[in-house]
Amino acid sequence: MKKVLIGIFISGLLAVPMAMAETKMAVIDVQSAILASEQAKEKIAELKKQYAPDQNELKSLAEQIQKLQAKLEQDAAVMSESEKKKLGKDIEDKAVDYQFNLKKLQKSQNESQQELMAELGPKLEEAIQAVIKEGDYGIILERRALIFAKPDYDITKKVTEKLNLKR
């Protein structure tokens, strides 16, 4: 009886790799698949134009802060205490404005990115399902969850191509 159980156990262990060998596996980088799609590229270009004025304003504020800091460092020896305080207050006010505008821009960009992912999510799912069906894949893994995968297993490009057809 003991030998029969051991025999069943060993045959079961041998069957697992055989079953795994029959299952086709693939890897996908979902974010890359979406961002490489034509629809995402168009939306990103549109968003860059939309956010350009805000980014220019941030750049301008950063330059103003640097100039004021340089002036404070350079002229501190000849400035009165009230002038130093006023200049320090100006620097602080501009830094607060910079931080506020930066957070506002980042929040808006994050919302836009989430909208893009939500908009393309259903299309992405359809594209993945089409590639799974065509390739007869049994397992699809997210690239970020893996330490290593051979490039042969990557179906990201195939999914992006399908996604571009679903425009």
N, C-alpha and C. Protein backbone atom coordinates (compact mmCIF):
# COMPACT_ATOMS: atom_id res chain seq x y z
N MET A 1 0.83 -1.19 0.00
CA MET A 1 0.00 0.00 0.00
C MET A 1 0.87 1.25 0.00
N LYS A 2 1.92 1.20 0.80
CA LYS A 2 2.81 2.34 0.91
C LYS A 2 3.49 2.61 -0.44
N LYS A 3 3.90 1.53 -1.13
CA LYS A 3 4.56 1.68 -2.42
C LYS A 3 3.59 2.25 -3.46
N VAL A 4 2.33 1.88 -3.37
CA VAL A 4 1.33 2.37 -4.31
C VAL A 4 1.13 3.88 -4.11
N LEU A 5 1.04 4.32 -2.84
CA LEU A 5 0.88 5.74 -2.54
C LEU A 5 2.09 6.54 -3.02
N ILE A 6 3.29 6.02 -2.79
CA ILE A 6 4.50 6.70 -3.24
C ILE A 6 4.51 6.78 -4.76
N GLY A 7 4.09 5.71 -5.42
CA GLY A 7 4.02 5.69 -6.89
C GLY A 7 3.03 6.73 -7.41
N ILE A 8 1.89 6.85 -6.77
CA ILE A 8 0.88 7.84 -7.17
C ILE A 8 1.42 9.26 -6.95
N PHE A 9 2.07 9.46 -5.81
CA PHE A 9 2.63 10.76 -5.48
C PHE A 9 3.68 11.17 -6.51
N ILE A 10 4.58 10.27 -6.85
CA ILE A 10 5.64 10.57 -7.81
C ILE A 10 5.06 10.82 -9.19
N SER A 11 4.08 10.01 -9.60
CA SER A 11 3.47 10.25 -10.91
C SER A 11 2.73 11.58 -10.94
N GLY A 12 2.16 11.97 -9.82
CA GLY A 12 1.50 13.28 -9.72
C GLY A 12 2.50 14.41 -9.85
N LEU A 13 3.66 14.26 -9.23
CA LEU A 13 4.70 15.28 -9.35
C LEU A 13 5.21 15.39 -10.78
N LEU A 14 5.30 14.29 -11.45
CA LEU A 14 5.76 14.31 -12.84
C LEU A 14 4.71 14.90 -13.77
N ALA A 15 3.45 14.78 -13.41
CA ALA A 15 2.37 15.29 -14.25
C ALA A 15 2.29 16.81 -14.22
N VAL A 16 2.66 17.43 -13.11
CA VAL A 16 2.58 18.89 -13.00
C VAL A 16 3.47 19.57 -14.02
N PRO A 17 4.77 19.22 -14.14
CA PRO A 17 5.57 19.88 -15.17
C PRO A 17 5.06 19.60 -16.58
N MET A 18 4.52 18.41 -16.81
CA MET A 18 3.98 18.10 -18.13
C MET A 18 2.79 19.01 -18.45
N ALA A 19 1.94 19.23 -17.48
CA ALA A 19 0.78 20.09 -17.68
C ALA A 19 1.24 21.53 -17.90
N MET A 20 2.25 21.96 -17.16
CA MET A 20 2.78 23.31 -17.32
C MET A 20 3.44 23.47 -18.69
N ALA A 21 4.06 22.42 -19.18
CA ALA A 21 4.73 22.49 -20.48
C ALA A 21 3.71 22.68 -21.60
N GLU A 22 2.50 22.20 -21.43
CA GLU A 22 1.46 22.34 -22.43
C GLU A 22 0.80 23.72 -22.39
N THR A 23 0.90 24.42 -21.29
CA THR A 23 0.28 25.73 -21.14
C THR A 23 1.20 26.81 -21.69
N LYS A 24 0.70 27.57 -22.66
CA LYS A 24 1.49 28.67 -23.22
C LYS A 24 1.40 29.87 -22.29
N MET A 25 2.55 30.46 -22.03
CA MET A 25 2.60 31.63 -21.16
C MET A 25 3.08 32.83 -21.94
N ALA A 26 2.68 34.02 -21.48
CA ALA A 26 3.12 35.25 -22.10
C ALA A 26 3.24 36.33 -21.03
N VAL A 27 3.95 37.38 -21.39
CA VAL A 27 4.18 38.51 -20.49
C VAL A 27 3.71 39.77 -21.20
N ILE A 28 3.10 40.67 -20.43
CA ILE A 28 2.66 41.95 -21.00
C ILE A 28 2.97 43.09 -20.04
N ASP A 29 3.37 44.20 -20.60
CA ASP A 29 3.54 45.44 -19.83
C ASP A 29 2.34 46.30 -20.21
N VAL A 30 1.32 46.29 -19.37
CA VAL A 30 0.05 46.93 -19.67
C VAL A 30 0.23 48.43 -19.91
N GLN A 31 0.97 49.08 -19.04
CA GLN A 31 1.15 50.53 -19.17
C GLN A 31 1.86 50.87 -20.48
N SER A 32 2.89 50.12 -20.83
CA SER A 32 3.60 50.35 -22.09
C SER A 32 2.70 50.11 -23.28
N ALA A 33 1.86 49.09 -23.20
CA ALA A 33 0.93 48.78 -24.29
C ALA A 33 -0.01 49.96 -24.53
N ILE A 34 -0.52 50.53 -23.46
CA ILE A 34 -1.43 51.67 -23.59
C ILE A 34 -0.69 52.90 -24.11
N LEU A 35 0.44 53.22 -23.49
CA LEU A 35 1.17 54.44 -23.85
C LEU A 35 1.75 54.39 -25.26
N ALA A 36 1.98 53.20 -25.79
CA ALA A 36 2.50 53.07 -27.15
C ALA A 36 1.40 53.12 -28.20
N SER A 37 0.15 53.11 -27.77
CA SER A 37 -0.96 53.14 -28.73
C SER A 37 -1.09 54.54 -29.35
N GLU A 38 -1.62 54.56 -30.55
CA GLU A 38 -1.79 55.83 -31.27
C GLU A 38 -2.73 56.77 -30.52
N GLN A 39 -3.80 56.24 -29.98
CA GLN A 39 -4.77 57.07 -29.25
C GLN A 39 -4.12 57.72 -28.04
N ALA A 40 -3.29 56.98 -27.32
CA ALA A 40 -2.61 57.54 -26.15
C ALA A 40 -1.59 58.59 -26.57
N LYS A 41 -0.86 58.33 -27.63
CA LYS A 41 0.12 59.31 -28.12
C LYS A 41 -0.54 60.62 -28.48
N GLU A 42 -1.69 60.53 -29.15
CA GLU A 42 -2.43 61.74 -29.52
C GLU A 42 -2.90 62.49 -28.28
N LYS A 43 -3.43 61.76 -27.33
CA LYS A 43 -3.93 62.38 -26.10
C LYS A 43 -2.78 63.01 -25.30
N ILE A 44 -1.64 62.35 -25.26
CA ILE A 44 -0.48 62.88 -24.54
C ILE A 44 0.01 64.17 -25.19
N ALA A 45 0.05 64.20 -26.52
CA ALA A 45 0.47 65.41 -27.23
C ALA A 45 -0.51 66.56 -26.94
N GLU A 46 -1.79 66.23 -26.91
CA GLU A 46 -2.82 67.22 -26.59
C GLU A 46 -2.65 67.76 -25.17
N LEU A 47 -2.37 66.85 -24.24
CA LEU A 47 -2.18 67.26 -22.84
C LEU A 47 -0.92 68.10 -22.65
N LYS A 48 0.14 67.78 -23.39
CA LYS A 48 1.37 68.59 -23.30
C LYS A 48 1.08 70.03 -23.70
N LYS A 49 0.30 70.20 -24.76
CA LYS A 49 -0.07 71.56 -25.18
C LYS A 49 -0.92 72.24 -24.11
N GLN A 50 -1.84 71.47 -23.54
CA GLN A 50 -2.73 72.01 -22.52
C GLN A 50 -1.96 72.47 -21.28
N TYR A 51 -0.95 71.69 -20.89
CA TYR A 51 -0.21 72.00 -19.67
C TYR A 51 1.01 72.90 -19.88
N ALA A 52 1.32 73.22 -21.11
CA ALA A 52 2.50 74.05 -21.40
C ALA A 52 2.47 75.41 -20.67
N PRO A 53 1.35 76.13 -20.67
CA PRO A 53 1.34 77.41 -19.96
C PRO A 53 1.64 77.26 -18.45
N ASP A 54 1.07 76.23 -17.84
CA ASP A 54 1.31 75.99 -16.41
C ASP A 54 2.77 75.65 -16.15
N GLN A 55 3.35 74.84 -17.04
CA GLN A 55 4.76 74.48 -16.88
C GLN A 55 5.66 75.69 -17.09
N ASN A 56 5.30 76.55 -18.05
CA ASN A 56 6.07 77.77 -18.26
C ASN A 56 5.98 78.70 -17.06
N GLU A 57 4.81 78.76 -16.45
CA GLU A 57 4.64 79.58 -15.24
C GLU A 57 5.52 79.05 -14.10
N LEU A 58 5.56 77.74 -13.95
CA LEU A 58 6.41 77.14 -12.92
C LEU A 58 7.88 77.45 -13.18
N LYS A 59 8.27 77.34 -14.43
CA LYS A 59 9.66 77.63 -14.80
C LYS A 59 10.01 79.09 -14.49
N SER A 60 9.09 79.97 -14.81
CA SER A 60 9.29 81.39 -14.55
C SER A 60 9.42 81.66 -13.04
N LEU A 61 8.55 81.06 -12.27
CA LEU A 61 8.62 81.23 -10.81
C LEU A 61 9.94 80.71 -10.26
N ALA A 62 10.39 79.56 -10.75
CA ALA A 62 11.66 78.99 -10.29
C ALA A 62 12.82 79.92 -10.61
N GLU A 63 12.80 80.51 -11.80
CA GLU A 63 13.85 81.46 -12.19
C GLU A 63 13.82 82.71 -11.31
N GLN A 64 12.62 83.20 -11.02
CA GLN A 64 12.48 84.38 -10.15
C GLN A 64 13.03 84.09 -8.75
N ILE A 65 12.71 82.92 -8.24
CA ILE A 65 13.20 82.53 -6.91
C ILE A 65 14.72 82.47 -6.91
N GLN A 66 15.31 81.87 -7.94
CA GLN A 66 16.77 81.77 -8.02
C GLN A 66 17.42 83.14 -8.10
N LYS A 67 16.83 84.04 -8.89
CA LYS A 67 17.38 85.40 -9.01
C LYS A 67 17.33 86.13 -7.67
N LEU A 68 16.19 86.00 -6.99
CA LEU A 68 16.05 86.66 -5.69
C LEU A 68 17.03 86.08 -4.66
N GLN A 69 17.22 84.76 -4.68
CA GLN A 69 18.17 84.13 -3.77
C GLN A 69 19.59 84.57 -4.08
N ALA A 70 19.91 84.66 -5.36
CA ALA A 70 21.26 85.11 -5.75
C ALA A 70 21.48 86.55 -5.32
N LYS A 71 20.45 87.39 -5.48
CA LYS A 71 20.55 88.79 -5.06
C LYS A 71 20.75 88.89 -3.56
N LEU A 72 20.01 88.07 -2.81
CA LEU A 72 20.13 88.08 -1.36
C LEU A 72 21.54 87.68 -0.93
N GLU A 73 22.07 86.63 -1.54
CA GLU A 73 23.42 86.17 -1.20
C GLU A 73 24.48 87.20 -1.59
N GLN A 74 24.29 87.79 -2.74
CA GLN A 74 25.29 88.73 -3.28
C GLN A 74 25.29 90.06 -2.53
N ASP A 75 24.09 90.58 -2.23
CA ASP A 75 23.98 91.92 -1.66
C ASP A 75 23.71 91.93 -0.16
N ALA A 76 23.74 90.78 0.48
CA ALA A 76 23.41 90.70 1.90
C ALA A 76 24.28 91.61 2.75
N ALA A 77 25.55 91.73 2.40
CA ALA A 77 26.48 92.54 3.20
C ALA A 77 26.12 94.02 3.17
N VAL A 78 25.52 94.51 2.10
CA VAL A 78 25.21 95.94 1.99
C VAL A 78 23.73 96.25 2.22
N MET A 79 22.94 95.24 2.48
CA MET A 79 21.50 95.43 2.69
C MET A 79 21.20 95.69 4.16
N SER A 80 20.15 96.49 4.37
CA SER A 80 19.69 96.69 5.75
C SER A 80 18.89 95.46 6.16
N GLU A 81 18.64 95.34 7.43
CA GLU A 81 17.87 94.19 7.93
C GLU A 81 16.46 94.17 7.34
N SER A 82 15.84 95.33 7.22
CA SER A 82 14.48 95.38 6.67
C SER A 82 14.48 94.96 5.19
N GLU A 83 15.52 95.34 4.44
CA GLU A 83 15.62 94.91 3.05
C GLU A 83 15.81 93.39 2.95
N LYS A 84 16.63 92.86 3.85
CA LYS A 84 16.85 91.40 3.87
C LYS A 84 15.55 90.67 4.19
N LYS A 85 14.81 91.19 5.18
CA LYS A 85 13.55 90.56 5.56
C LYS A 85 12.54 90.62 4.41
N LYS A 86 12.47 91.78 3.75
CA LYS A 86 11.54 91.94 2.64
C LYS A 86 11.89 90.97 1.50
N LEU A 87 13.16 90.89 1.17
CA LEU A 87 13.60 89.99 0.11
C LEU A 87 13.37 88.53 0.50
N GLY A 88 13.63 88.20 1.76
CA GLY A 88 13.37 86.85 2.26
C GLY A 88 11.89 86.51 2.18
N LYS A 89 11.05 87.50 2.51
CA LYS A 89 9.59 87.29 2.43
C LYS A 89 9.16 87.10 0.98
N ASP A 90 9.73 87.87 0.06
CA ASP A 90 9.41 87.71 -1.37
C ASP A 90 9.79 86.31 -1.85
N ILE A 91 10.97 85.85 -1.44
CA ILE A 91 11.42 84.51 -1.82
C ILE A 91 10.46 83.46 -1.27
N GLU A 92 10.09 83.62 -0.02
CA GLU A 92 9.18 82.67 0.63
C GLU A 92 7.81 82.66 -0.06
N ASP A 93 7.28 83.84 -0.38
CA ASP A 93 5.98 83.93 -1.05
C ASP A 93 6.02 83.25 -2.42
N LYS A 94 7.08 83.49 -3.17
CA LYS A 94 7.21 82.87 -4.50
C LYS A 94 7.38 81.35 -4.37
N ALA A 95 8.08 80.91 -3.34
CA ALA A 95 8.26 79.48 -3.12
C ALA A 95 6.92 78.82 -2.79
N VAL A 96 6.09 79.50 -2.00
CA VAL A 96 4.75 78.98 -1.67
C VAL A 96 3.90 78.91 -2.95
N ASP A 97 3.96 79.96 -3.76
CA ASP A 97 3.22 79.96 -5.04
C ASP A 97 3.70 78.82 -5.93
N TYR A 98 5.01 78.62 -5.98
CA TYR A 98 5.59 77.56 -6.79
C TYR A 98 5.08 76.19 -6.34
N GLN A 99 5.13 75.94 -5.04
CA GLN A 99 4.67 74.65 -4.51
C GLN A 99 3.18 74.43 -4.78
N PHE A 100 2.40 75.48 -4.60
CA PHE A 100 0.96 75.37 -4.84
C PHE A 100 0.68 75.03 -6.31
N ASN A 101 1.31 75.80 -7.20
CA ASN A 101 1.10 75.57 -8.64
C ASN A 101 1.62 74.20 -9.08
N LEU A 102 2.73 73.76 -8.51
CA LEU A 102 3.29 72.45 -8.83
C LEU A 102 2.32 71.34 -8.42
N LYS A 103 1.79 71.42 -7.21
CA LYS A 103 0.85 70.40 -6.74
C LYS A 103 -0.42 70.41 -7.58
N LYS A 104 -0.89 71.58 -7.95
CA LYS A 104 -2.09 71.69 -8.78
C LYS A 104 -1.85 71.06 -10.15
N LEU A 105 -0.70 71.33 -10.74
CA LEU A 105 -0.36 70.75 -12.04
C LEU A 105 -0.22 69.24 -11.95
N GLN A 106 0.47 68.75 -10.93
CA GLN A 106 0.65 67.31 -10.76
C GLN A 106 -0.69 66.61 -10.57
N LYS A 107 -1.59 67.21 -9.80
CA LYS A 107 -2.91 66.63 -9.57
C LYS A 107 -3.68 66.55 -10.89
N SER A 108 -3.63 67.62 -11.65
CA SER A 108 -4.33 67.66 -12.93
C SER A 108 -3.75 66.63 -13.90
N GLN A 109 -2.43 66.50 -13.94
CA GLN A 109 -1.79 65.52 -14.81
C GLN A 109 -2.15 64.09 -14.40
N ASN A 110 -2.17 63.83 -13.10
CA ASN A 110 -2.56 62.49 -12.60
C ASN A 110 -4.00 62.16 -12.98
N GLU A 111 -4.88 63.14 -12.86
CA GLU A 111 -6.28 62.93 -13.23
C GLU A 111 -6.40 62.63 -14.73
N SER A 112 -5.64 63.36 -15.53
CA SER A 112 -5.66 63.13 -16.98
C SER A 112 -5.14 61.74 -17.33
N GLN A 113 -4.10 61.32 -16.63
CA GLN A 113 -3.55 59.98 -16.87
C GLN A 113 -4.56 58.90 -16.47
N GLN A 114 -5.24 59.09 -15.36
CA GLN A 114 -6.24 58.13 -14.93
C GLN A 114 -7.42 58.08 -15.91
N GLU A 115 -7.80 59.24 -16.45
CA GLU A 115 -8.87 59.28 -17.44
C GLU A 115 -8.47 58.52 -18.70
N LEU A 116 -7.22 58.70 -19.12
CA LEU A 116 -6.72 58.00 -20.30
C LEU A 116 -6.75 56.48 -20.08
N MET A 117 -6.26 56.05 -18.91
CA MET A 117 -6.24 54.61 -18.61
C MET A 117 -7.66 54.07 -18.53
N ALA A 118 -8.59 54.83 -17.96
CA ALA A 118 -9.98 54.38 -17.86
C ALA A 118 -10.63 54.33 -19.24
N GLU A 119 -10.30 55.29 -20.08
CA GLU A 119 -10.86 55.34 -21.43
C GLU A 119 -10.37 54.17 -22.28
N LEU A 120 -9.10 53.85 -22.15
CA LEU A 120 -8.52 52.79 -22.97
C LEU A 120 -8.61 51.40 -22.32
N GLY A 121 -8.99 51.34 -21.06
CA GLY A 121 -9.07 50.08 -20.33
C GLY A 121 -9.91 49.01 -21.02
N PRO A 122 -11.17 49.31 -21.37
CA PRO A 122 -11.99 48.30 -22.04
C PRO A 122 -11.42 47.86 -23.40
N LYS A 123 -10.87 48.81 -24.15
CA LYS A 123 -10.26 48.49 -25.44
C LYS A 123 -9.02 47.62 -25.23
N LEU A 124 -8.28 47.92 -24.19
CA LEU A 124 -7.10 47.12 -23.86
C LEU A 124 -7.50 45.69 -23.53
N GLU A 125 -8.54 45.54 -22.75
CA GLU A 125 -9.03 44.21 -22.38
C GLU A 125 -9.42 43.41 -23.61
N GLU A 126 -10.11 44.07 -24.54
CA GLU A 126 -10.50 43.39 -25.79
C GLU A 126 -9.26 42.98 -26.59
N ALA A 127 -8.27 43.88 -26.65
CA ALA A 127 -7.04 43.58 -27.39
C ALA A 127 -6.30 42.41 -26.77
N ILE A 128 -6.22 42.39 -25.44
CA ILE A 128 -5.55 41.28 -24.74
C ILE A 128 -6.29 39.97 -25.02
N GLN A 129 -7.61 40.00 -24.94
CA GLN A 129 -8.39 38.79 -25.18
C GLN A 129 -8.19 38.28 -26.62
N ALA A 130 -8.09 39.20 -27.58
CA ALA A 130 -7.87 38.79 -28.97
C ALA A 130 -6.51 38.13 -29.13
N VAL A 131 -5.49 38.69 -28.48
CA VAL A 131 -4.14 38.10 -28.57
C VAL A 131 -4.11 36.75 -27.85
N ILE A 132 -4.78 36.65 -26.72
CA ILE A 132 -4.86 35.37 -26.00
C ILE A 132 -5.49 34.30 -26.88
N LYS A 133 -6.58 34.68 -27.52
CA LYS A 133 -7.30 33.72 -28.38
C LYS A 133 -6.44 33.29 -29.57
N GLU A 134 -5.80 34.26 -30.21
CA GLU A 134 -4.95 33.95 -31.37
C GLU A 134 -3.75 33.08 -30.99
N GLY A 135 -3.15 33.38 -29.85
CA GLY A 135 -1.95 32.66 -29.44
C GLY A 135 -2.22 31.45 -28.57
N ASP A 136 -3.48 31.25 -28.20
CA ASP A 136 -3.87 30.14 -27.35
C ASP A 136 -3.06 30.12 -26.05
N TYR A 137 -2.98 31.30 -25.41
CA TYR A 137 -2.23 31.43 -24.16
C TYR A 137 -3.07 30.96 -22.98
N GLY A 138 -2.44 30.27 -22.05
CA GLY A 138 -3.11 29.82 -20.84
C GLY A 138 -2.81 30.71 -19.65
N ILE A 139 -1.68 31.39 -19.70
CA ILE A 139 -1.27 32.25 -18.59
C ILE A 139 -0.66 33.53 -19.17
N ILE A 140 -1.13 34.69 -18.66
CA ILE A 140 -0.56 35.98 -19.03
C ILE A 140 -0.13 36.64 -17.72
N LEU A 141 1.11 37.07 -17.67
CA LEU A 141 1.65 37.70 -16.47
C LEU A 141 2.00 39.16 -16.74
N GLU A 142 1.82 40.00 -15.74
CA GLU A 142 2.21 41.41 -15.84
C GLU A 142 3.72 41.50 -15.71
N ARG A 143 4.35 42.22 -16.60
CA ARG A 143 5.81 42.32 -16.66
C ARG A 143 6.40 42.84 -15.34
N ARG A 144 5.74 43.76 -14.72
CA ARG A 144 6.27 44.36 -13.48
C ARG A 144 6.29 43.38 -12.31
N ALA A 145 5.53 42.29 -12.43
CA ALA A 145 5.48 41.30 -11.36
C ALA A 145 6.59 40.27 -11.49
N LEU A 146 7.36 40.35 -12.56
CA LEU A 146 8.40 39.36 -12.83
C LEU A 146 9.79 39.93 -12.63
N ILE A 147 10.69 39.08 -12.28
CA ILE A 147 12.09 39.47 -12.20
C ILE A 147 12.74 39.36 -13.58
N PHE A 148 12.39 38.30 -14.30
CA PHE A 148 12.97 38.07 -15.61
C PHE A 148 11.99 37.30 -16.49
N ALA A 149 11.99 37.65 -17.76
CA ALA A 149 11.25 36.88 -18.78
C ALA A 149 11.96 37.11 -20.11
N LYS A 150 12.13 36.06 -20.86
CA LYS A 150 12.75 36.18 -22.18
C LYS A 150 11.86 37.05 -23.06
N PRO A 151 12.47 37.84 -23.92
CA PRO A 151 11.68 38.70 -24.82
C PRO A 151 10.69 37.93 -25.70
N ASP A 152 10.98 36.67 -25.95
CA ASP A 152 10.07 35.84 -26.76
C ASP A 152 8.68 35.72 -26.13
N TYR A 153 8.59 35.86 -24.83
CA TYR A 153 7.31 35.72 -24.13
C TYR A 153 6.49 37.02 -24.13
N ASP A 154 7.10 38.13 -24.52
CA ASP A 154 6.45 39.44 -24.43
C ASP A 154 5.44 39.64 -25.56
N ILE A 155 4.19 39.91 -25.19
CA ILE A 155 3.13 40.14 -26.19
C ILE A 155 2.68 41.60 -26.18
N THR A 156 3.43 42.47 -25.53
CA THR A 156 3.04 43.88 -25.41
C THR A 156 2.83 44.52 -26.78
N LYS A 157 3.76 44.29 -27.69
CA LYS A 157 3.67 44.90 -29.02
C LYS A 157 2.43 44.39 -29.77
N LYS A 158 2.15 43.10 -29.65
CA LYS A 158 0.96 42.53 -30.31
C LYS A 158 -0.31 43.17 -29.77
N VAL A 159 -0.34 43.36 -28.46
CA VAL A 159 -1.53 43.97 -27.83
C VAL A 159 -1.68 45.41 -28.29
N THR A 160 -0.56 46.14 -28.38
CA THR A 160 -0.62 47.53 -28.84
C THR A 160 -1.14 47.60 -30.27
N GLU A 161 -0.68 46.67 -31.12
CA GLU A 161 -1.16 46.64 -32.50
C GLU A 161 -2.67 46.40 -32.54
N LYS A 162 -3.16 45.49 -31.73
CA LYS A 162 -4.61 45.22 -31.67
C LYS A 162 -5.35 46.45 -31.14
N LEU A 163 -4.76 47.09 -30.16
CA LEU A 163 -5.37 48.30 -29.57
C LEU A 163 -5.48 49.40 -30.62
N ASN A 164 -4.48 49.53 -31.46
CA ASN A 164 -4.53 50.55 -32.53
C ASN A 164 -5.62 50.24 -33.55
N LEU A 165 -5.95 48.97 -33.73
CA LEU A 165 -7.02 48.60 -34.66
C LEU A 165 -8.40 48.91 -34.08
N LYS A 166 -8.50 49.07 -32.77
CA LYS A 166 -9.79 49.27 -32.08
C LYS A 166 -10.14 50.75 -31.94
N ARG A 167 -9.47 51.61 -32.64
CA ARG A 167 -9.73 53.05 -32.55
C ARG A 167 -11.12 53.31 -32.97
